[in-house]
N, C-alpha and C. Protein backbone atom coordinates (compact mmCIF):
# COMPACT_ATOMS: atom_id res chain seq x y z
N UNK A 1 -13.77 -4.96 10.80
CA UNK A 1 -14.52 -4.93 9.55
C UNK A 1 -14.10 -6.05 8.61
N UNK A 2 -13.16 -6.88 9.05
CA UNK A 2 -12.73 -8.04 8.26
C UNK A 2 -13.04 -9.30 9.06
N UNK A 3 -13.45 -10.38 8.40
CA UNK A 3 -13.80 -11.60 9.14
C UNK A 3 -12.60 -12.18 9.89
N UNK A 4 -12.87 -12.83 11.02
CA UNK A 4 -11.82 -13.55 11.74
C UNK A 4 -11.46 -14.82 10.99
N UNK A 5 -10.34 -15.44 11.39
CA UNK A 5 -9.90 -16.67 10.73
C UNK A 5 -11.01 -17.72 10.71
N UNK A 6 -11.23 -18.29 9.54
CA UNK A 6 -12.20 -19.36 9.40
C UNK A 6 -13.65 -18.90 9.34
N UNK A 7 -13.89 -17.59 9.40
CA UNK A 7 -15.25 -17.09 9.36
C UNK A 7 -15.54 -16.38 8.04
N UNK A 8 -16.81 -16.28 7.68
CA UNK A 8 -17.22 -15.70 6.40
C UNK A 8 -17.93 -14.36 6.55
N UNK A 9 -18.13 -13.94 7.81
CA UNK A 9 -18.85 -12.69 8.04
C UNK A 9 -18.07 -11.85 9.05
N UNK A 10 -17.87 -10.55 8.75
CA UNK A 10 -17.21 -9.68 9.74
C UNK A 10 -18.17 -9.32 10.87
N UNK A 11 -17.61 -9.01 12.03
CA UNK A 11 -18.45 -8.64 13.17
C UNK A 11 -19.03 -7.24 13.00
N UNK A 12 -18.22 -6.33 12.45
CA UNK A 12 -18.67 -4.95 12.22
C UNK A 12 -18.86 -4.78 10.72
N UNK A 13 -20.03 -4.24 10.35
CA UNK A 13 -20.36 -4.22 8.92
C UNK A 13 -21.36 -3.12 8.61
N UNK A 14 -21.28 -2.57 7.40
CA UNK A 14 -22.31 -1.64 6.95
C UNK A 14 -23.61 -2.43 6.81
N UNK A 15 -24.73 -1.90 7.31
CA UNK A 15 -25.96 -2.69 7.44
C UNK A 15 -26.56 -3.19 6.13
N UNK A 16 -26.24 -2.53 5.01
CA UNK A 16 -26.85 -2.94 3.74
C UNK A 16 -26.22 -4.19 3.13
N UNK A 17 -25.15 -4.69 3.75
CA UNK A 17 -24.47 -5.87 3.20
C UNK A 17 -24.67 -7.08 4.12
N UNK A 18 -25.06 -8.20 3.53
CA UNK A 18 -25.33 -9.40 4.33
C UNK A 18 -24.69 -10.65 3.75
N UNK A 19 -24.14 -10.58 2.54
CA UNK A 19 -23.58 -11.77 1.89
C UNK A 19 -22.30 -12.23 2.58
N UNK A 20 -22.03 -13.53 2.47
CA UNK A 20 -20.79 -14.09 3.00
C UNK A 20 -19.59 -13.63 2.17
N UNK A 21 -18.44 -13.50 2.83
CA UNK A 21 -17.21 -13.17 2.14
C UNK A 21 -16.56 -14.47 1.64
N UNK A 22 -15.82 -14.36 0.54
CA UNK A 22 -15.08 -15.50 0.00
C UNK A 22 -13.62 -15.44 0.43
N UNK A 23 -12.95 -16.57 0.36
CA UNK A 23 -11.51 -16.61 0.54
C UNK A 23 -10.88 -16.76 -0.84
N UNK A 24 -10.04 -15.80 -1.21
CA UNK A 24 -9.42 -15.83 -2.54
C UNK A 24 -7.93 -15.61 -2.41
N UNK A 25 -7.18 -16.27 -3.29
CA UNK A 25 -5.74 -16.02 -3.32
C UNK A 25 -5.46 -14.63 -3.88
N UNK A 26 -4.39 -14.02 -3.37
CA UNK A 26 -4.05 -12.66 -3.80
C UNK A 26 -3.81 -12.62 -5.32
N UNK A 27 -3.23 -13.68 -5.86
CA UNK A 27 -2.99 -13.74 -7.30
C UNK A 27 -4.26 -13.83 -8.13
N UNK A 28 -5.38 -14.18 -7.48
CA UNK A 28 -6.68 -14.18 -8.17
C UNK A 28 -7.36 -12.83 -8.07
N UNK A 29 -7.01 -12.09 -7.04
CA UNK A 29 -7.64 -10.80 -6.76
C UNK A 29 -6.95 -9.67 -7.53
N UNK A 30 -5.67 -9.87 -7.86
CA UNK A 30 -4.91 -8.83 -8.55
C UNK A 30 -3.87 -9.46 -9.46
N UNK A 31 -3.60 -8.80 -10.57
CA UNK A 31 -2.47 -9.19 -11.41
C UNK A 31 -1.21 -8.69 -10.72
N UNK A 32 -0.23 -9.56 -10.57
CA UNK A 32 0.98 -9.21 -9.83
C UNK A 32 2.14 -8.98 -10.79
N UNK A 33 2.78 -7.84 -10.65
CA UNK A 33 3.92 -7.43 -11.47
C UNK A 33 3.64 -7.52 -12.97
N UNK A 34 2.62 -6.78 -13.45
CA UNK A 34 2.33 -6.79 -14.88
C UNK A 34 3.51 -6.27 -15.68
N UNK A 35 3.71 -6.82 -16.86
CA UNK A 35 4.82 -6.42 -17.73
C UNK A 35 4.54 -5.04 -18.31
N UNK A 36 5.59 -4.25 -18.51
CA UNK A 36 5.43 -2.93 -19.09
C UNK A 36 6.74 -2.48 -19.72
N UNK A 37 6.66 -1.48 -20.58
CA UNK A 37 7.83 -0.89 -21.21
C UNK A 37 8.07 0.46 -20.56
N UNK A 38 9.28 0.67 -20.06
CA UNK A 38 9.58 1.91 -19.35
C UNK A 38 9.73 3.07 -20.32
N UNK A 39 9.26 4.27 -19.92
CA UNK A 39 9.50 5.47 -20.74
C UNK A 39 10.98 5.86 -20.67
N UNK A 40 11.39 6.72 -21.57
CA UNK A 40 12.80 7.15 -21.59
C UNK A 40 13.17 7.92 -20.32
N UNK A 41 12.23 8.72 -19.81
CA UNK A 41 12.44 9.47 -18.57
C UNK A 41 11.26 9.20 -17.64
N UNK A 42 11.53 9.17 -16.35
CA UNK A 42 10.46 8.88 -15.40
C UNK A 42 10.82 9.34 -14.00
N UNK A 43 9.80 9.30 -13.13
CA UNK A 43 9.99 9.59 -11.70
C UNK A 43 10.15 8.25 -10.98
N UNK A 44 11.29 8.08 -10.32
CA UNK A 44 11.60 6.80 -9.69
C UNK A 44 11.22 6.83 -8.21
N UNK A 45 10.51 5.79 -7.78
CA UNK A 45 10.06 5.66 -6.40
C UNK A 45 10.77 4.44 -5.79
N UNK A 46 11.67 4.70 -4.84
CA UNK A 46 12.38 3.59 -4.20
C UNK A 46 11.77 3.28 -2.84
N UNK A 47 12.38 2.34 -2.11
CA UNK A 47 11.80 1.90 -0.85
C UNK A 47 11.78 3.00 0.23
N UNK A 48 12.63 4.00 0.08
CA UNK A 48 12.63 5.09 1.06
C UNK A 48 11.64 6.18 0.74
N UNK A 49 10.98 6.08 -0.41
CA UNK A 49 10.08 7.15 -0.87
C UNK A 49 8.70 7.11 -0.24
N UNK A 50 8.30 5.94 0.23
CA UNK A 50 6.95 5.76 0.78
C UNK A 50 7.06 5.49 2.28
N UNK A 51 6.35 6.30 3.06
CA UNK A 51 6.28 6.09 4.51
C UNK A 51 4.81 5.96 4.87
N UNK A 52 4.46 4.86 5.52
CA UNK A 52 3.05 4.59 5.77
C UNK A 52 2.37 4.34 4.43
N UNK A 53 1.36 5.13 4.14
CA UNK A 53 0.69 5.00 2.84
C UNK A 53 0.86 6.27 2.01
N UNK A 54 1.87 7.07 2.33
CA UNK A 54 2.11 8.31 1.59
C UNK A 54 3.45 8.29 0.87
N UNK A 55 3.45 8.78 -0.38
CA UNK A 55 4.68 8.95 -1.13
C UNK A 55 5.26 10.32 -0.76
N UNK A 56 6.44 10.33 -0.14
CA UNK A 56 7.03 11.58 0.31
C UNK A 56 8.06 12.13 -0.66
N UNK A 57 8.55 11.28 -1.56
CA UNK A 57 9.57 11.75 -2.49
C UNK A 57 9.62 10.83 -3.72
N UNK A 58 10.28 11.32 -4.74
CA UNK A 58 10.61 10.53 -5.93
C UNK A 58 11.74 11.26 -6.63
N UNK A 59 12.42 10.58 -7.52
CA UNK A 59 13.61 11.14 -8.15
C UNK A 59 13.51 11.00 -9.66
N UNK A 60 13.82 12.09 -10.37
CA UNK A 60 13.79 12.06 -11.83
C UNK A 60 14.96 11.22 -12.35
N UNK A 61 14.66 10.28 -13.23
CA UNK A 61 15.68 9.40 -13.79
C UNK A 61 15.44 9.21 -15.28
N UNK A 62 16.46 8.71 -15.95
CA UNK A 62 16.32 8.25 -17.33
C UNK A 62 16.62 6.76 -17.35
N UNK A 63 16.31 6.12 -18.45
CA UNK A 63 16.60 4.69 -18.56
C UNK A 63 18.08 4.42 -18.31
N UNK A 64 18.94 5.34 -18.74
CA UNK A 64 20.39 5.14 -18.62
C UNK A 64 20.92 5.39 -17.22
N UNK A 65 20.26 6.28 -16.46
CA UNK A 65 20.78 6.63 -15.13
C UNK A 65 20.09 5.86 -14.01
N UNK A 66 18.93 5.29 -14.28
CA UNK A 66 18.14 4.65 -13.22
C UNK A 66 18.80 3.37 -12.71
N UNK A 67 18.64 3.07 -11.43
CA UNK A 67 19.13 1.78 -10.93
C UNK A 67 18.37 0.62 -11.57
N UNK A 68 18.98 -0.55 -11.56
CA UNK A 68 18.38 -1.72 -12.22
C UNK A 68 17.06 -2.12 -11.56
N UNK A 69 16.84 -1.70 -10.30
CA UNK A 69 15.60 -2.06 -9.61
C UNK A 69 14.39 -1.24 -10.08
N UNK A 70 14.62 -0.22 -10.89
CA UNK A 70 13.53 0.60 -11.41
C UNK A 70 12.85 -0.17 -12.55
N UNK A 71 11.78 -0.89 -12.24
CA UNK A 71 11.16 -1.78 -13.22
C UNK A 71 9.63 -1.71 -13.28
N UNK A 72 8.97 -1.19 -12.25
CA UNK A 72 7.52 -1.32 -12.16
C UNK A 72 6.81 -0.02 -12.55
N UNK A 73 6.36 0.04 -13.81
CA UNK A 73 5.68 1.23 -14.32
C UNK A 73 4.26 1.29 -13.77
N UNK A 74 3.97 2.37 -13.04
CA UNK A 74 2.69 2.49 -12.33
C UNK A 74 1.55 2.89 -13.26
N UNK A 75 0.39 2.34 -12.97
CA UNK A 75 -0.85 2.71 -13.64
C UNK A 75 -1.85 3.08 -12.54
N UNK A 76 -2.71 4.06 -12.82
CA UNK A 76 -3.67 4.50 -11.81
C UNK A 76 -4.47 3.30 -11.29
N UNK A 77 -4.52 3.18 -9.95
CA UNK A 77 -5.22 2.07 -9.32
C UNK A 77 -4.31 0.96 -8.85
N UNK A 78 -3.03 0.99 -9.24
CA UNK A 78 -2.08 -0.03 -8.80
C UNK A 78 -1.77 0.14 -7.31
N UNK A 79 -1.60 -0.98 -6.63
CA UNK A 79 -1.17 -0.98 -5.23
C UNK A 79 0.25 -1.53 -5.19
N UNK A 80 1.14 -0.81 -4.51
CA UNK A 80 2.53 -1.24 -4.40
C UNK A 80 2.78 -1.72 -2.97
N UNK A 81 3.13 -3.01 -2.88
CA UNK A 81 3.31 -3.64 -1.57
C UNK A 81 4.80 -3.88 -1.32
N UNK A 82 5.30 -3.33 -0.22
CA UNK A 82 6.71 -3.45 0.14
C UNK A 82 7.02 -4.90 0.54
N UNK A 83 7.83 -5.58 -0.26
CA UNK A 83 8.11 -6.99 0.00
C UNK A 83 9.31 -7.20 0.91
N UNK A 84 10.09 -6.15 1.15
CA UNK A 84 11.23 -6.21 2.05
C UNK A 84 10.85 -5.52 3.36
N UNK A 85 11.04 -6.20 4.49
CA UNK A 85 10.62 -5.69 5.80
C UNK A 85 9.16 -5.23 5.77
N UNK A 86 8.25 -6.13 5.40
CA UNK A 86 6.84 -5.76 5.25
C UNK A 86 6.19 -5.29 6.54
N UNK A 87 6.82 -5.57 7.68
CA UNK A 87 6.26 -5.12 8.96
C UNK A 87 6.23 -3.59 9.05
N UNK A 88 6.99 -2.89 8.17
CA UNK A 88 6.97 -1.43 8.18
C UNK A 88 5.68 -0.86 7.62
N UNK A 89 4.96 -1.67 6.86
CA UNK A 89 3.67 -1.27 6.27
C UNK A 89 3.78 -0.01 5.41
N UNK A 90 4.86 0.10 4.65
CA UNK A 90 5.03 1.22 3.73
C UNK A 90 4.51 0.81 2.35
N UNK A 91 3.22 0.92 2.18
CA UNK A 91 2.55 0.47 0.95
C UNK A 91 1.76 1.63 0.36
N UNK A 92 1.60 1.63 -0.95
CA UNK A 92 1.07 2.83 -1.60
C UNK A 92 0.07 2.51 -2.69
N UNK A 93 -1.02 3.28 -2.69
CA UNK A 93 -2.01 3.21 -3.76
C UNK A 93 -1.73 4.35 -4.73
N UNK A 94 -1.40 4.01 -5.98
CA UNK A 94 -1.08 5.01 -6.98
C UNK A 94 -2.37 5.53 -7.60
N UNK A 95 -2.70 6.78 -7.31
CA UNK A 95 -3.96 7.36 -7.80
C UNK A 95 -3.73 8.50 -8.78
N UNK A 96 -2.47 8.75 -9.15
CA UNK A 96 -2.18 9.80 -10.10
C UNK A 96 -2.54 9.37 -11.52
N UNK A 97 -2.78 10.37 -12.37
CA UNK A 97 -3.07 10.09 -13.78
C UNK A 97 -1.80 9.99 -14.62
N UNK A 98 -0.67 10.44 -14.06
CA UNK A 98 0.59 10.41 -14.80
C UNK A 98 0.99 8.97 -15.14
N UNK A 99 1.68 8.82 -16.25
CA UNK A 99 2.12 7.50 -16.70
C UNK A 99 3.63 7.41 -16.75
N UNK A 100 4.29 8.16 -15.86
CA UNK A 100 5.76 8.17 -15.88
C UNK A 100 6.36 7.96 -14.49
N UNK A 101 5.65 7.19 -13.65
CA UNK A 101 6.18 6.83 -12.34
C UNK A 101 6.60 5.37 -12.36
N UNK A 102 7.83 5.11 -11.94
CA UNK A 102 8.37 3.76 -11.94
C UNK A 102 8.82 3.41 -10.53
N UNK A 103 8.34 2.28 -10.03
CA UNK A 103 8.65 1.84 -8.67
C UNK A 103 9.75 0.79 -8.67
N UNK A 104 10.41 0.70 -7.54
CA UNK A 104 11.46 -0.30 -7.34
C UNK A 104 10.88 -1.72 -7.30
N UNK A 105 11.71 -2.67 -7.65
CA UNK A 105 11.32 -4.08 -7.52
C UNK A 105 11.26 -4.51 -6.06
N UNK A 106 11.58 -3.61 -5.14
CA UNK A 106 11.36 -3.87 -3.72
C UNK A 106 9.88 -3.86 -3.37
N UNK A 107 9.06 -3.44 -4.32
CA UNK A 107 7.61 -3.50 -4.18
C UNK A 107 7.04 -4.57 -5.11
N UNK A 108 6.03 -5.26 -4.66
CA UNK A 108 5.21 -6.06 -5.57
C UNK A 108 4.13 -5.12 -6.11
N UNK A 109 3.96 -5.12 -7.42
CA UNK A 109 2.95 -4.28 -8.05
C UNK A 109 1.67 -5.09 -8.22
N UNK A 110 0.61 -4.64 -7.60
CA UNK A 110 -0.67 -5.34 -7.62
C UNK A 110 -1.68 -4.52 -8.41
N UNK A 111 -2.24 -5.10 -9.45
CA UNK A 111 -3.26 -4.42 -10.26
C UNK A 111 -4.59 -5.12 -9.98
N UNK A 112 -5.39 -4.59 -9.05
CA UNK A 112 -6.58 -5.29 -8.56
C UNK A 112 -7.68 -5.44 -9.62
N UNK A 113 -8.40 -6.54 -9.51
CA UNK A 113 -9.61 -6.74 -10.31
C UNK A 113 -10.79 -6.03 -9.65
N UNK A 114 -10.69 -5.76 -8.34
CA UNK A 114 -11.75 -5.11 -7.59
C UNK A 114 -11.34 -3.71 -7.17
N UNK A 115 -11.70 -3.33 -5.96
CA UNK A 115 -11.45 -1.98 -5.46
C UNK A 115 -10.05 -1.86 -4.87
N UNK A 116 -9.26 -0.94 -5.41
CA UNK A 116 -7.88 -0.76 -4.97
C UNK A 116 -7.78 -0.30 -3.52
N UNK A 117 -8.70 0.58 -3.12
CA UNK A 117 -8.65 1.12 -1.75
C UNK A 117 -8.95 0.03 -0.73
N UNK A 118 -9.87 -0.86 -1.06
CA UNK A 118 -10.15 -1.99 -0.18
C UNK A 118 -8.91 -2.87 -0.03
N UNK A 119 -8.27 -3.18 -1.17
CA UNK A 119 -7.10 -4.05 -1.12
C UNK A 119 -6.00 -3.44 -0.27
N UNK A 120 -5.71 -2.15 -0.48
CA UNK A 120 -4.68 -1.51 0.34
C UNK A 120 -5.04 -1.58 1.82
N UNK A 121 -6.31 -1.33 2.14
CA UNK A 121 -6.75 -1.37 3.54
C UNK A 121 -6.48 -2.73 4.16
N UNK A 122 -6.78 -3.79 3.40
CA UNK A 122 -6.56 -5.13 3.96
C UNK A 122 -5.06 -5.44 4.09
N UNK A 123 -4.28 -5.00 3.10
CA UNK A 123 -2.83 -5.27 3.15
C UNK A 123 -2.17 -4.57 4.33
N UNK A 124 -2.80 -3.51 4.85
CA UNK A 124 -2.25 -2.78 5.99
C UNK A 124 -2.60 -3.42 7.33
N UNK A 125 -3.46 -4.44 7.33
CA UNK A 125 -3.86 -5.05 8.60
C UNK A 125 -2.71 -5.88 9.18
N UNK A 126 -2.65 -5.94 10.50
CA UNK A 126 -1.61 -6.74 11.15
C UNK A 126 -1.79 -8.22 10.85
N UNK A 127 -3.02 -8.65 10.66
CA UNK A 127 -3.30 -10.04 10.33
C UNK A 127 -2.61 -10.44 9.02
N UNK A 128 -2.74 -9.57 8.01
CA UNK A 128 -2.09 -9.87 6.73
C UNK A 128 -0.57 -9.81 6.87
N UNK A 129 -0.07 -8.80 7.56
CA UNK A 129 1.38 -8.66 7.75
C UNK A 129 1.95 -9.90 8.44
N UNK A 130 1.26 -10.40 9.45
CA UNK A 130 1.74 -11.60 10.15
C UNK A 130 1.80 -12.81 9.22
N UNK A 131 0.81 -12.93 8.34
CA UNK A 131 0.82 -14.03 7.38
C UNK A 131 2.00 -13.89 6.43
N UNK A 132 2.25 -12.67 5.97
CA UNK A 132 3.39 -12.42 5.09
C UNK A 132 4.69 -12.77 5.80
N UNK A 133 4.84 -12.32 7.04
CA UNK A 133 6.07 -12.59 7.79
C UNK A 133 6.30 -14.08 7.98
N UNK A 134 5.23 -14.84 8.13
CA UNK A 134 5.35 -16.30 8.25
C UNK A 134 5.90 -16.92 6.97
N UNK A 135 5.77 -16.21 5.85
CA UNK A 135 6.22 -16.73 4.56
C UNK A 135 7.48 -16.03 4.04
N UNK A 136 8.08 -15.19 4.89
CA UNK A 136 9.29 -14.47 4.50
C UNK A 136 10.54 -15.33 4.69
N UNK A 137 11.59 -14.96 3.96
CA UNK A 137 12.92 -15.54 4.18
C UNK A 137 13.81 -14.42 4.71
N UNK A 138 14.85 -14.80 5.46
CA UNK A 138 15.75 -13.81 6.03
C UNK A 138 15.28 -13.35 7.39
N UNK A 139 16.23 -12.89 8.20
CA UNK A 139 15.90 -12.43 9.55
C UNK A 139 16.11 -10.92 9.70
N UNK A 140 17.30 -10.42 9.34
CA UNK A 140 17.56 -8.98 9.45
C UNK A 140 16.70 -8.20 8.45
N UNK A 141 16.58 -8.73 7.25
CA UNK A 141 15.78 -8.09 6.20
C UNK A 141 14.79 -9.11 5.65
N UNK A 142 13.76 -9.44 6.43
CA UNK A 142 12.78 -10.42 5.94
C UNK A 142 12.13 -9.94 4.65
N UNK A 143 11.98 -10.85 3.71
CA UNK A 143 11.40 -10.50 2.41
C UNK A 143 10.56 -11.66 1.91
N UNK A 144 9.57 -11.32 1.09
CA UNK A 144 8.73 -12.34 0.48
C UNK A 144 8.79 -12.15 -1.04
N UNK A 145 8.85 -13.24 -1.77
CA UNK A 145 8.85 -13.10 -3.23
C UNK A 145 7.42 -13.06 -3.74
N UNK A 146 7.27 -12.63 -4.97
CA UNK A 146 5.93 -12.42 -5.53
C UNK A 146 5.14 -13.72 -5.66
N UNK A 147 5.84 -14.82 -5.92
CA UNK A 147 5.15 -16.11 -6.05
C UNK A 147 4.51 -16.52 -4.73
N UNK A 148 5.26 -16.37 -3.63
CA UNK A 148 4.72 -16.72 -2.32
C UNK A 148 3.61 -15.74 -1.91
N UNK A 149 3.78 -14.48 -2.29
CA UNK A 149 2.75 -13.48 -1.98
C UNK A 149 1.45 -13.81 -2.69
N UNK A 150 1.55 -14.29 -3.92
CA UNK A 150 0.37 -14.51 -4.75
C UNK A 150 -0.55 -15.61 -4.22
N UNK A 151 -0.01 -16.53 -3.41
CA UNK A 151 -0.83 -17.65 -2.95
C UNK A 151 -1.43 -17.43 -1.55
N UNK A 152 -1.12 -16.28 -0.94
CA UNK A 152 -1.73 -15.95 0.34
C UNK A 152 -3.21 -15.65 0.11
N UNK A 153 -4.07 -16.24 0.92
CA UNK A 153 -5.51 -16.01 0.76
C UNK A 153 -5.95 -14.81 1.58
N UNK A 154 -6.91 -14.08 1.03
CA UNK A 154 -7.48 -12.93 1.73
C UNK A 154 -9.00 -13.02 1.67
N UNK A 155 -9.70 -12.45 2.65
CA UNK A 155 -11.17 -12.44 2.59
C UNK A 155 -11.64 -11.38 1.61
N UNK A 156 -12.67 -11.72 0.84
CA UNK A 156 -13.12 -10.80 -0.21
C UNK A 156 -14.64 -10.71 -0.23
N UNK A 157 -15.18 -9.51 -0.01
CA UNK A 157 -16.64 -9.32 -0.12
C UNK A 157 -17.02 -8.96 -1.56
N UNK A 158 -18.28 -8.67 -1.77
CA UNK A 158 -18.75 -8.23 -3.09
C UNK A 158 -18.11 -6.89 -3.44
N UNK A 159 -18.09 -6.55 -4.72
CA UNK A 159 -17.47 -5.29 -5.15
C UNK A 159 -18.10 -4.07 -4.49
N UNK A 160 -19.45 -3.97 -4.39
CA UNK A 160 -20.02 -2.79 -3.71
C UNK A 160 -19.55 -2.66 -2.27
N UNK A 161 -19.40 -3.79 -1.57
CA UNK A 161 -18.93 -3.72 -0.18
C UNK A 161 -17.45 -3.36 -0.14
N UNK A 162 -16.67 -3.87 -1.09
CA UNK A 162 -15.26 -3.47 -1.18
C UNK A 162 -15.15 -1.95 -1.33
N UNK A 163 -15.98 -1.41 -2.23
CA UNK A 163 -15.92 0.03 -2.50
C UNK A 163 -16.31 0.85 -1.27
N UNK A 164 -17.29 0.36 -0.53
CA UNK A 164 -17.74 1.08 0.67
C UNK A 164 -16.65 1.06 1.74
N UNK A 165 -16.05 -0.09 1.95
CA UNK A 165 -14.99 -0.21 2.96
C UNK A 165 -13.76 0.59 2.54
N UNK A 166 -13.41 0.49 1.26
CA UNK A 166 -12.25 1.22 0.76
C UNK A 166 -12.41 2.72 0.91
N UNK A 167 -13.60 3.22 0.60
CA UNK A 167 -13.88 4.65 0.73
C UNK A 167 -13.82 5.09 2.19
N UNK A 168 -14.35 4.25 3.09
CA UNK A 168 -14.34 4.56 4.52
C UNK A 168 -12.91 4.71 5.04
N UNK A 169 -12.05 3.75 4.70
CA UNK A 169 -10.67 3.80 5.21
C UNK A 169 -9.86 4.91 4.54
N UNK A 170 -10.16 5.21 3.28
CA UNK A 170 -9.45 6.30 2.61
C UNK A 170 -9.77 7.63 3.29
N UNK A 171 -11.04 7.83 3.63
CA UNK A 171 -11.44 9.05 4.33
C UNK A 171 -10.79 9.12 5.71
N UNK A 172 -10.76 8.00 6.40
CA UNK A 172 -10.14 7.94 7.72
C UNK A 172 -8.65 8.26 7.64
N UNK A 173 -7.96 7.66 6.65
CA UNK A 173 -6.53 7.92 6.48
C UNK A 173 -6.26 9.39 6.18
N UNK A 174 -7.10 10.00 5.34
CA UNK A 174 -6.93 11.41 5.00
C UNK A 174 -7.10 12.29 6.24
N UNK A 175 -8.05 11.94 7.09
CA UNK A 175 -8.28 12.71 8.32
C UNK A 175 -7.08 12.58 9.26
N UNK A 176 -6.56 11.37 9.39
CA UNK A 176 -5.39 11.14 10.25
C UNK A 176 -4.18 11.92 9.72
N UNK A 177 -3.96 11.86 8.40
CA UNK A 177 -2.82 12.55 7.80
C UNK A 177 -2.94 14.06 8.01
N UNK A 178 -4.16 14.59 7.89
CA UNK A 178 -4.38 16.02 8.10
C UNK A 178 -4.05 16.43 9.53
N UNK A 179 -4.48 15.62 10.48
CA UNK A 179 -4.19 15.92 11.88
C UNK A 179 -2.69 15.80 12.17
N UNK A 180 -2.04 14.84 11.55
CA UNK A 180 -0.59 14.70 11.75
C UNK A 180 0.16 15.91 11.22
N UNK A 181 -0.27 16.41 10.05
CA UNK A 181 0.38 17.61 9.49
C UNK A 181 0.18 18.81 10.41
N UNK A 182 -1.05 18.94 10.96
CA UNK A 182 -1.33 20.04 11.89
C UNK A 182 -0.48 19.92 13.14
N UNK A 183 -0.32 18.69 13.62
CA UNK A 183 0.49 18.46 14.81
C UNK A 183 1.95 18.83 14.56
N UNK A 184 2.47 18.45 13.39
CA UNK A 184 3.85 18.79 13.05
C UNK A 184 4.01 20.31 12.95
N UNK A 185 3.00 20.98 12.40
CA UNK A 185 3.05 22.44 12.30
C UNK A 185 3.09 23.07 13.70
N UNK A 186 2.26 22.52 14.62
CA UNK A 186 2.24 23.05 15.98
C UNK A 186 3.57 22.81 16.69
N UNK A 187 4.18 21.65 16.45
CA UNK A 187 5.48 21.36 17.06
C UNK A 187 6.53 22.35 16.57
N UNK A 188 6.50 22.64 15.26
CA UNK A 188 7.45 23.59 14.69
C UNK A 188 7.22 24.98 15.26
N UNK A 189 5.93 25.36 15.38
CA UNK A 189 5.58 26.66 15.95
C UNK A 189 6.07 26.77 17.39
N UNK A 190 5.87 25.71 18.16
CA UNK A 190 6.30 25.70 19.56
C UNK A 190 7.81 25.84 19.65
N UNK A 191 8.52 25.12 18.80
CA UNK A 191 9.99 25.18 18.81
C UNK A 191 10.46 26.60 18.52
N UNK A 192 9.81 27.24 17.53
CA UNK A 192 10.20 28.61 17.19
C UNK A 192 9.94 29.58 18.33
N UNK A 193 8.79 29.43 18.99
CA UNK A 193 8.45 30.29 20.12
C UNK A 193 9.43 30.12 21.28
N UNK A 194 9.79 28.86 21.55
CA UNK A 194 10.74 28.60 22.64
C UNK A 194 12.10 29.22 22.35
N UNK A 195 12.51 29.18 21.08
CA UNK A 195 13.80 29.78 20.72
C UNK A 195 13.76 31.29 20.86
N UNK A 196 12.59 31.91 20.59
CA UNK A 196 12.47 33.34 20.75
C UNK A 196 12.44 33.74 22.22
N UNK A 197 11.74 32.91 23.02
CA UNK A 197 11.63 33.23 24.45
C UNK A 197 12.92 32.94 25.21
N UNK A 198 13.64 31.92 24.79
CA UNK A 198 14.87 31.52 25.50
C UNK A 198 16.01 31.43 24.48
N UNK A 199 16.46 32.59 23.99
CA UNK A 199 17.53 32.57 22.96
C UNK A 199 18.85 32.05 23.51
């Protein structure tokens, strides 16, 4: 659903869209690491808190107790991109209405001008990850800084097409997550049954 290198049209597409896609730098598509003032108390999200595209945990902190990396105050619609070991694809779209979540500087905070769900979907592609890895420093813990991230170009369709693609992948991700939870429940059930049958 995304164009190949050097092309302006994706092979698979919703039929109502026919316009060519543009190539835009990430720094043009989203404001990166917007400045903010931290609240006195907040929920801190570190690099271990997000697995895949889900936030599994957060920790209550105050300005005085929080680690120095707690700097990125989330706003609804922000995309947080893991800049350390980006091949893990642990990136998160903040869709909560709360204004007291603060993310680690291990994430680049992206505030999109367009559709947030579309941007997250593209950032999760292996094509984008490979481009990021080509621009990383370090071997054991490859990382990319926000300046280098901002100049990476991405394909960008019209806003209505962004919204359609973003909605499609969000629904798909929700379905996958639901099935994974059911699978984990079945595994737990099986383990319990085996322990009862073979004490």
